[in-house]
Amino acid sequence: MSRKKRLFVPSGIYHVIIRGNDRQNIFIDDEDRKLLINRIKKYSDELNIDIYAYCLMNSFSVYI
Protein backbone atom coordinates (compact mmCIF):
# COMPACT_ATOMS: atom_id res chain seq x y z
CA MET A 1 0.00 0.00 0.00
CA SER A 2 1.41 3.38 -0.95
CA ARG A 3 1.83 6.29 1.41
CA LYS A 4 -0.75 9.06 1.46
CA LYS A 5 0.17 12.28 -0.30
CA ARG A 6 1.84 14.84 1.96
CA LEU A 7 0.16 18.13 2.59
CA PHE A 8 2.24 20.97 1.21
CA VAL A 9 2.70 23.92 3.54
CA PRO A 10 4.75 26.80 2.06
CA SER A 11 6.35 27.58 5.40
CA GLY A 12 6.83 23.91 6.30
CA ILE A 13 10.05 22.06 7.03
CA TYR A 14 10.27 18.64 5.42
CA HIS A 15 12.44 15.60 6.09
CA VAL A 16 13.17 13.90 2.76
CA ILE A 17 14.60 10.38 2.46
CA ILE A 18 15.85 8.62 -0.65
CA ARG A 19 16.49 4.92 -0.26
CA GLY A 20 17.40 2.14 -2.69
CA ASN A 21 15.27 -0.95 -3.23
CA ASP A 22 15.82 -3.47 -0.44
CA ARG A 23 18.08 -0.84 1.18
CA GLN A 24 20.67 -1.22 -1.56
CA ASN A 25 23.22 1.56 -2.02
CA ILE A 26 22.11 4.25 -4.45
CA PHE A 27 25.67 5.53 -4.97
CA ILE A 28 28.32 3.67 -6.95
CA ASP A 29 31.12 6.13 -6.20
CA ASP A 30 31.91 9.68 -5.14
CA GLU A 31 30.95 11.01 -8.59
CA ASP A 32 27.37 9.81 -7.95
CA ARG A 33 27.35 11.63 -4.62
CA LYS A 34 28.66 14.83 -6.24
CA LEU A 35 26.00 14.58 -8.96
CA LEU A 36 23.22 14.37 -6.38
CA ILE A 37 24.63 17.27 -4.36
CA ASN A 38 24.89 19.39 -7.54
CA ARG A 39 21.30 18.60 -8.50
CA ILE A 40 20.04 19.42 -5.03
CA LYS A 41 21.88 22.76 -5.23
CA LYS A 42 20.57 23.50 -8.74
CA TYR A 43 16.92 22.81 -7.96
CA SER A 44 16.96 24.40 -4.52
CA ASP A 45 18.26 27.59 -6.18
CA GLU A 46 15.71 27.39 -9.03
CA LEU A 47 12.80 26.73 -6.68
CA ASN A 48 14.02 29.05 -3.92
CA ILE A 49 14.13 26.24 -1.36
CA ASP A 50 16.39 26.42 1.69
CA ILE A 51 18.35 23.26 2.53
CA TYR A 52 19.21 23.30 6.24
CA ALA A 53 21.18 20.06 6.31
CA TYR A 54 21.81 16.87 4.39
CA CYS A 55 23.58 13.59 4.98
CA LEU A 56 24.61 11.04 2.37
CA MET A 57 24.87 7.57 3.85
CA ASN A 58 25.49 4.11 2.46
CA SER A 59 23.45 1.12 3.49
CA PHE A 60 25.11 -1.56 5.52
CA SER A 61 24.22 -5.06 6.54
CA VAL A 62 24.39 -6.47 10.02
CA TYR A 63 24.90 -10.20 10.32
CA ILE A 64 24.33 -11.95 13.61
PDB file of N, CA and C in Angstrom:
ATOM      1  N   MET A   1       0.843  -1.173   0.000  1.00  0.00           N
ATOM      2  CA  MET A   1       0.000   0.000   0.000  1.00  0.00           C
ATOM      3  C   MET A   1       0.893   1.242   0.000  1.00  0.00           C
ATOM      4  N   SER A   2       0.585   2.176  -0.854  1.00  0.00           N
ATOM      5  CA  SER A   2       1.412   3.379  -0.948  1.00  0.00           C
ATOM      6  C   SER A   2       1.056   4.372   0.161  1.00  0.00           C
ATOM      7  N   ARG A   3       1.977   5.255   0.384  1.00  0.00           N
ATOM      8  CA  ARG A   3       1.826   6.285   1.414  1.00  0.00           C
ATOM      9  C   ARG A   3       0.878   7.367   0.923  1.00  0.00           C
ATOM     10  N   LYS A   4       0.144   7.961   1.827  1.00  0.00           N
ATOM     11  CA  LYS A   4      -0.750   9.059   1.463  1.00  0.00           C
ATOM     12  C   LYS A   4       0.067  10.278   1.060  1.00  0.00           C
ATOM     13  N   LYS A   5      -0.492  11.080   0.174  1.00  0.00           N
ATOM     14  CA  LYS A   5       0.170  12.280  -0.298  1.00  0.00           C
ATOM     15  C   LYS A   5       0.375  13.256   0.860  1.00  0.00           C
ATOM     16  N   ARG A   6       1.568  13.854   0.920  1.00  0.00           N
ATOM     17  CA  ARG A   6       1.844  14.837   1.962  1.00  0.00           C
ATOM     18  C   ARG A   6       1.118  16.141   1.680  1.00  0.00           C
ATOM     19  N   LEU A   7       0.717  16.792   2.732  1.00  0.00           N
ATOM     20  CA  LEU A   7       0.160  18.131   2.588  1.00  0.00           C
ATOM     21  C   LEU A   7       1.316  19.097   2.414  1.00  0.00           C
ATOM     22  N   PHE A   8       1.204  19.981   1.437  1.00  0.00           N
ATOM     23  CA  PHE A   8       2.242  20.971   1.207  1.00  0.00           C
ATOM     24  C   PHE A   8       1.908  22.235   1.974  1.00  0.00           C
ATOM     25  N   VAL A   9       2.842  22.680   2.784  1.00  0.00           N
ATOM     26  CA  VAL A   9       2.701  23.917   3.540  1.00  0.00           C
ATOM     27  C   VAL A   9       3.884  24.800   3.140  1.00  0.00           C
ATOM     28  N   PRO A  10       3.637  25.964   2.537  1.00  0.00           N
ATOM     29  CA  PRO A  10       4.747  26.800   2.055  1.00  0.00           C
ATOM     30  C   PRO A  10       5.793  27.118   3.117  1.00  0.00           C
ATOM     31  N   SER A  11       5.383  27.257   4.343  1.00  0.00           N
ATOM     32  CA  SER A  11       6.347  27.580   5.402  1.00  0.00           C
ATOM     33  C   SER A  11       6.823  26.328   6.143  1.00  0.00           C
ATOM     34  N   GLY A  12       6.502  25.156   5.613  1.00  0.00           N
ATOM     35  CA  GLY A  12       6.828  23.906   6.296  1.00  0.00           C
ATOM     36  C   GLY A  12       8.286  23.515   6.168  1.00  0.00           C
ATOM     37  N   ILE A  13       8.722  22.673   7.074  1.00  0.00           N
ATOM     38  CA  ILE A  13      10.046  22.064   7.032  1.00  0.00           C
ATOM     39  C   ILE A  13       9.824  20.573   6.805  1.00  0.00           C
ATOM     40  N   TYR A  14      10.498  20.016   5.811  1.00  0.00           N
ATOM     41  CA  TYR A  14      10.267  18.638   5.424  1.00  0.00           C
ATOM     42  C   TYR A  14      11.530  17.810   5.583  1.00  0.00           C
ATOM     43  N   HIS A  15      11.364  16.575   5.983  1.00  0.00           N
ATOM     44  CA  HIS A  15      12.443  15.597   6.087  1.00  0.00           C
ATOM     45  C   HIS A  15      12.284  14.664   4.893  1.00  0.00           C
ATOM     46  N   VAL A  16      13.254  14.677   3.999  1.00  0.00           N
ATOM     47  CA  VAL A  16      13.168  13.902   2.760  1.00  0.00           C
ATOM     48  C   VAL A  16      14.177  12.761   2.822  1.00  0.00           C
ATOM     49  N   ILE A  17      13.736  11.564   2.450  1.00  0.00           N
ATOM     50  CA  ILE A  17      14.595  10.382   2.464  1.00  0.00           C
ATOM     51  C   ILE A  17      14.571   9.753   1.078  1.00  0.00           C
ATOM     52  N   ILE A  18      15.745   9.382   0.587  1.00  0.00           N
ATOM     53  CA  ILE A  18      15.850   8.623  -0.652  1.00  0.00           C
ATOM     54  C   ILE A  18      16.549   7.323  -0.299  1.00  0.00           C
ATOM     55  N   ARG A  19      15.919   6.218  -0.625  1.00  0.00           N
ATOM     56  CA  ARG A  19      16.485   4.917  -0.259  1.00  0.00           C
ATOM     57  C   ARG A  19      16.388   3.974  -1.448  1.00  0.00           C
ATOM     58  N   GLY A  20      17.405   3.128  -1.622  1.00  0.00           N
ATOM     59  CA  GLY A  20      17.397   2.141  -2.694  1.00  0.00           C
ATOM     60  C   GLY A  20      16.468   0.981  -2.380  1.00  0.00           C
ATOM     61  N   ASN A  21      16.100   0.239  -3.419  1.00  0.00           N
ATOM     62  CA  ASN A  21      15.268  -0.951  -3.228  1.00  0.00           C
ATOM     63  C   ASN A  21      15.977  -1.932  -2.314  1.00  0.00           C
ATOM     64  N   ASP A  22      15.254  -2.513  -1.396  1.00  0.00           N
ATOM     65  CA  ASP A  22      15.821  -3.468  -0.438  1.00  0.00           C
ATOM     66  C   ASP A  22      17.029  -2.882   0.291  1.00  0.00           C
ATOM     67  N   ARG A  23      17.009  -1.575   0.486  1.00  0.00           N
ATOM     68  CA  ARG A  23      18.083  -0.841   1.181  1.00  0.00           C
ATOM     69  C   ARG A  23      19.438  -0.970   0.493  1.00  0.00           C
ATOM     70  N   GLN A  24      19.422  -1.175  -0.813  1.00  0.00           N
ATOM     71  CA  GLN A  24      20.666  -1.224  -1.561  1.00  0.00           C
ATOM     72  C   GLN A  24      21.255   0.180  -1.663  1.00  0.00           C
ATOM     73  N   ASN A  25      22.582   0.262  -1.833  1.00  0.00           N
ATOM     74  CA  ASN A  25      23.222   1.557  -2.019  1.00  0.00           C
ATOM     75  C   ASN A  25      22.690   2.215  -3.289  1.00  0.00           C
ATOM     76  N   ILE A  26      22.529   3.517  -3.251  1.00  0.00           N
ATOM     77  CA  ILE A  26      22.114   4.252  -4.446  1.00  0.00           C
ATOM     78  C   ILE A  26      23.299   4.970  -5.082  1.00  0.00           C
ATOM     79  N   PHE A  27      24.462   4.903  -4.445  1.00  0.00           N
ATOM     80  CA  PHE A  27      25.674   5.531  -4.970  1.00  0.00           C
ATOM     81  C   PHE A  27      26.682   4.454  -5.343  1.00  0.00           C
ATOM     82  N   ILE A  28      27.267   4.582  -6.539  1.00  0.00           N
ATOM     83  CA  ILE A  28      28.321   3.667  -6.947  1.00  0.00           C
ATOM     84  C   ILE A  28      29.668   4.197  -6.467  1.00  0.00           C
ATOM     85  N   ASP A  29      29.835   5.520  -6.573  1.00  0.00           N
ATOM     86  CA  ASP A  29      31.118   6.127  -6.201  1.00  0.00           C
ATOM     87  C   ASP A  29      30.905   7.592  -5.812  1.00  0.00           C
ATOM     88  N   ASP A  30      32.003   8.280  -5.550  1.00  0.00           N
ATOM     89  CA  ASP A  30      31.911   9.679  -5.137  1.00  0.00           C
ATOM     90  C   ASP A  30      31.340  10.576  -6.227  1.00  0.00           C
ATOM     91  N   GLU A  31      31.528  10.217  -7.491  1.00  0.00           N
ATOM     92  CA  GLU A  31      30.946  11.007  -8.586  1.00  0.00           C
ATOM     93  C   GLU A  31      29.421  11.010  -8.498  1.00  0.00           C
ATOM     94  N   ASP A  32      28.826   9.883  -8.135  1.00  0.00           N
ATOM     95  CA  ASP A  32      27.375   9.813  -7.949  1.00  0.00           C
ATOM     96  C   ASP A  32      26.929  10.743  -6.825  1.00  0.00           C
ATOM     97  N   ARG A  33      27.679  10.761  -5.753  1.00  0.00           N
ATOM     98  CA  ARG A  33      27.350  11.634  -4.622  1.00  0.00           C
ATOM     99  C   ARG A  33      27.432  13.106  -5.036  1.00  0.00           C
ATOM    100  N   LYS A  34      28.495  13.451  -5.771  1.00  0.00           N
ATOM    101  CA  LYS A  34      28.656  14.834  -6.240  1.00  0.00           C
ATOM    102  C   LYS A  34      27.524  15.229  -7.178  1.00  0.00           C
ATOM    103  N   LEU A  35      27.104  14.307  -8.040  1.00  0.00           N
ATOM    104  CA  LEU A  35      26.001  14.579  -8.959  1.00  0.00           C
ATOM    105  C   LEU A  35      24.721  14.899  -8.194  1.00  0.00           C
ATOM    106  N   LEU A  36      24.419  14.107  -7.175  1.00  0.00           N
ATOM    107  CA  LEU A  36      23.218  14.366  -6.379  1.00  0.00           C
ATOM    108  C   LEU A  36      23.318  15.710  -5.664  1.00  0.00           C
ATOM    109  N   ILE A  37      24.455  15.999  -5.061  1.00  0.00           N
ATOM    110  CA  ILE A  37      24.627  17.274  -4.362  1.00  0.00           C
ATOM    111  C   ILE A  37      24.460  18.438  -5.335  1.00  0.00           C
ATOM    112  N   ASN A  38      25.028  18.326  -6.535  1.00  0.00           N
ATOM    113  CA  ASN A  38      24.886  19.389  -7.536  1.00  0.00           C
ATOM    114  C   ASN A  38      23.444  19.577  -7.976  1.00  0.00           C
ATOM    115  N   ARG A  39      22.715  18.491  -8.119  1.00  0.00           N
ATOM    116  CA  ARG A  39      21.297  18.602  -8.505  1.00  0.00           C
ATOM    117  C   ARG A  39      20.463  19.212  -7.388  1.00  0.00           C
ATOM    118  N   ILE A  40      20.756  18.819  -6.163  1.00  0.00           N
ATOM    119  CA  ILE A  40      20.041  19.423  -5.030  1.00  0.00           C
ATOM    120  C   ILE A  40      20.289  20.930  -5.010  1.00  0.00           C
ATOM    121  N   LYS A  41      21.536  21.343  -5.207  1.00  0.00           N
ATOM    122  CA  LYS A  41      21.879  22.765  -5.233  1.00  0.00           C
ATOM    123  C   LYS A  41      21.157  23.478  -6.372  1.00  0.00           C
ATOM    124  N   LYS A  42      21.207  22.882  -7.573  1.00  0.00           N
ATOM    125  CA  LYS A  42      20.574  23.498  -8.744  1.00  0.00           C
ATOM    126  C   LYS A  42      19.079  23.730  -8.514  1.00  0.00           C
ATOM    127  N   TYR A  43      18.369  22.693  -8.086  1.00  0.00           N
ATOM    128  CA  TYR A  43      16.924  22.814  -7.958  1.00  0.00           C
ATOM    129  C   TYR A  43      16.506  23.600  -6.722  1.00  0.00           C
ATOM    130  N   SER A  44      17.309  23.568  -5.681  1.00  0.00           N
ATOM    131  CA  SER A  44      16.961  24.404  -4.521  1.00  0.00           C
ATOM    132  C   SER A  44      17.118  25.876  -4.886  1.00  0.00           C
ATOM    133  N   ASP A  45      18.111  26.204  -5.707  1.00  0.00           N
ATOM    134  CA  ASP A  45      18.261  27.589  -6.185  1.00  0.00           C
ATOM    135  C   ASP A  45      17.105  27.976  -7.106  1.00  0.00           C
ATOM    136  N   GLU A  46      16.781  27.103  -8.078  1.00  0.00           N
ATOM    137  CA  GLU A  46      15.706  27.393  -9.033  1.00  0.00           C
ATOM    138  C   GLU A  46      14.354  27.546  -8.350  1.00  0.00           C
ATOM    139  N   LEU A  47      14.104  26.728  -7.341  1.00  0.00           N
ATOM    140  CA  LEU A  47      12.797  26.726  -6.682  1.00  0.00           C
ATOM    141  C   LEU A  47      12.774  27.565  -5.403  1.00  0.00           C
ATOM    142  N   ASN A  48      13.904  28.213  -5.118  1.00  0.00           N
ATOM    143  CA  ASN A  48      14.019  29.053  -3.923  1.00  0.00           C
ATOM    144  C   ASN A  48      13.682  28.268  -2.653  1.00  0.00           C
ATOM    145  N   ILE A  49      14.329  27.122  -2.513  1.00  0.00           N
ATOM    146  CA  ILE A  49      14.132  26.242  -1.361  1.00  0.00           C
ATOM    147  C   ILE A  49      15.399  26.271  -0.516  1.00  0.00           C
ATOM    148  N   ASP A  50      15.250  26.444   0.778  1.00  0.00           N
ATOM    149  CA  ASP A  50      16.387  26.416   1.692  1.00  0.00           C
ATOM    150  C   ASP A  50      16.661  24.988   2.137  1.00  0.00           C
ATOM    151  N   ILE A  51      17.909  24.561   2.032  1.00  0.00           N
ATOM    152  CA  ILE A  51      18.346  23.261   2.532  1.00  0.00           C
ATOM    153  C   ILE A  51      19.101  23.535   3.825  1.00  0.00           C
ATOM    154  N   TYR A  52      18.582  23.055   4.940  1.00  0.00           N
ATOM    155  CA  TYR A  52      19.214  23.302   6.236  1.00  0.00           C
ATOM    156  C   TYR A  52      20.332  22.302   6.527  1.00  0.00           C
ATOM    157  N   ALA A  53      20.169  21.080   6.064  1.00  0.00           N
ATOM    158  CA  ALA A  53      21.184  20.058   6.311  1.00  0.00           C
ATOM    159  C   ALA A  53      20.922  18.876   5.383  1.00  0.00           C
ATOM    160  N   TYR A  54      21.972  18.113   5.125  1.00  0.00           N
ATOM    161  CA  TYR A  54      21.812  16.867   4.388  1.00  0.00           C
ATOM    162  C   TYR A  54      22.884  15.894   4.844  1.00  0.00           C
ATOM    163  N   CYS A  55      22.638  14.628   4.601  1.00  0.00           N
ATOM    164  CA  CYS A  55      23.584  13.589   4.984  1.00  0.00           C
ATOM    165  C   CYS A  55      23.474  12.471   3.953  1.00  0.00           C
ATOM    166  N   LEU A  56      24.588  12.144   3.327  1.00  0.00           N
ATOM    167  CA  LEU A  56      24.608  11.043   2.373  1.00  0.00           C
ATOM    168  C   LEU A  56      25.200   9.830   3.075  1.00  0.00           C
ATOM    169  N   MET A  57      24.428   8.770   3.133  1.00  0.00           N
ATOM    170  CA  MET A  57      24.872   7.571   3.850  1.00  0.00           C
ATOM    171  C   MET A  57      24.745   6.359   2.946  1.00  0.00           C
ATOM    172  N   ASN A  58      25.611   5.400   3.132  1.00  0.00           N
ATOM    173  CA  ASN A  58      25.491   4.112   2.461  1.00  0.00           C
ATOM    174  C   ASN A  58      24.734   3.147   3.355  1.00  0.00           C
ATOM    175  N   SER A  59      24.103   2.177   2.732  1.00  0.00           N
ATOM    176  CA  SER A  59      23.447   1.115   3.494  1.00  0.00           C
ATOM    177  C   SER A  59      24.518   0.167   4.010  1.00  0.00           C
ATOM    178  N   PHE A  60      24.192  -0.539   5.037  1.00  0.00           N
ATOM    179  CA  PHE A  60      25.111  -1.557   5.525  1.00  0.00           C
ATOM    180  C   PHE A  60      24.295  -2.719   6.056  1.00  0.00           C
ATOM    181  N   SER A  61      24.901  -3.856   6.062  1.00  0.00           N
ATOM    182  CA  SER A  61      24.220  -5.063   6.544  1.00  0.00           C
ATOM    183  C   SER A  61      24.809  -5.470   7.876  1.00  0.00           C
ATOM    184  N   VAL A  62      23.951  -5.962   8.714  1.00  0.00           N
ATOM    185  CA  VAL A  62      24.393  -6.473  10.016  1.00  0.00           C
ATOM    186  C   VAL A  62      24.066  -7.961  10.039  1.00  0.00           C
ATOM    187  N   TYR A  63      25.100  -8.760  10.253  1.00  0.00           N
ATOM    188  CA  TYR A  63      24.904 -10.204  10.316  1.00  0.00           C
ATOM    189  C   TYR A  63      25.134 -10.663  11.742  1.00  0.00           C
ATOM    190  N   ILE A  64      24.209 -11.433  12.239  1.00  0.00           N
ATOM    191  CA  ILE A  64      24.326 -11.951  13.609  1.00  0.00           C
ATOM    192  C   ILE A  64      24.568 -13.441  13.548  1.00  0.00           C
TER     193      ILE A  64
END
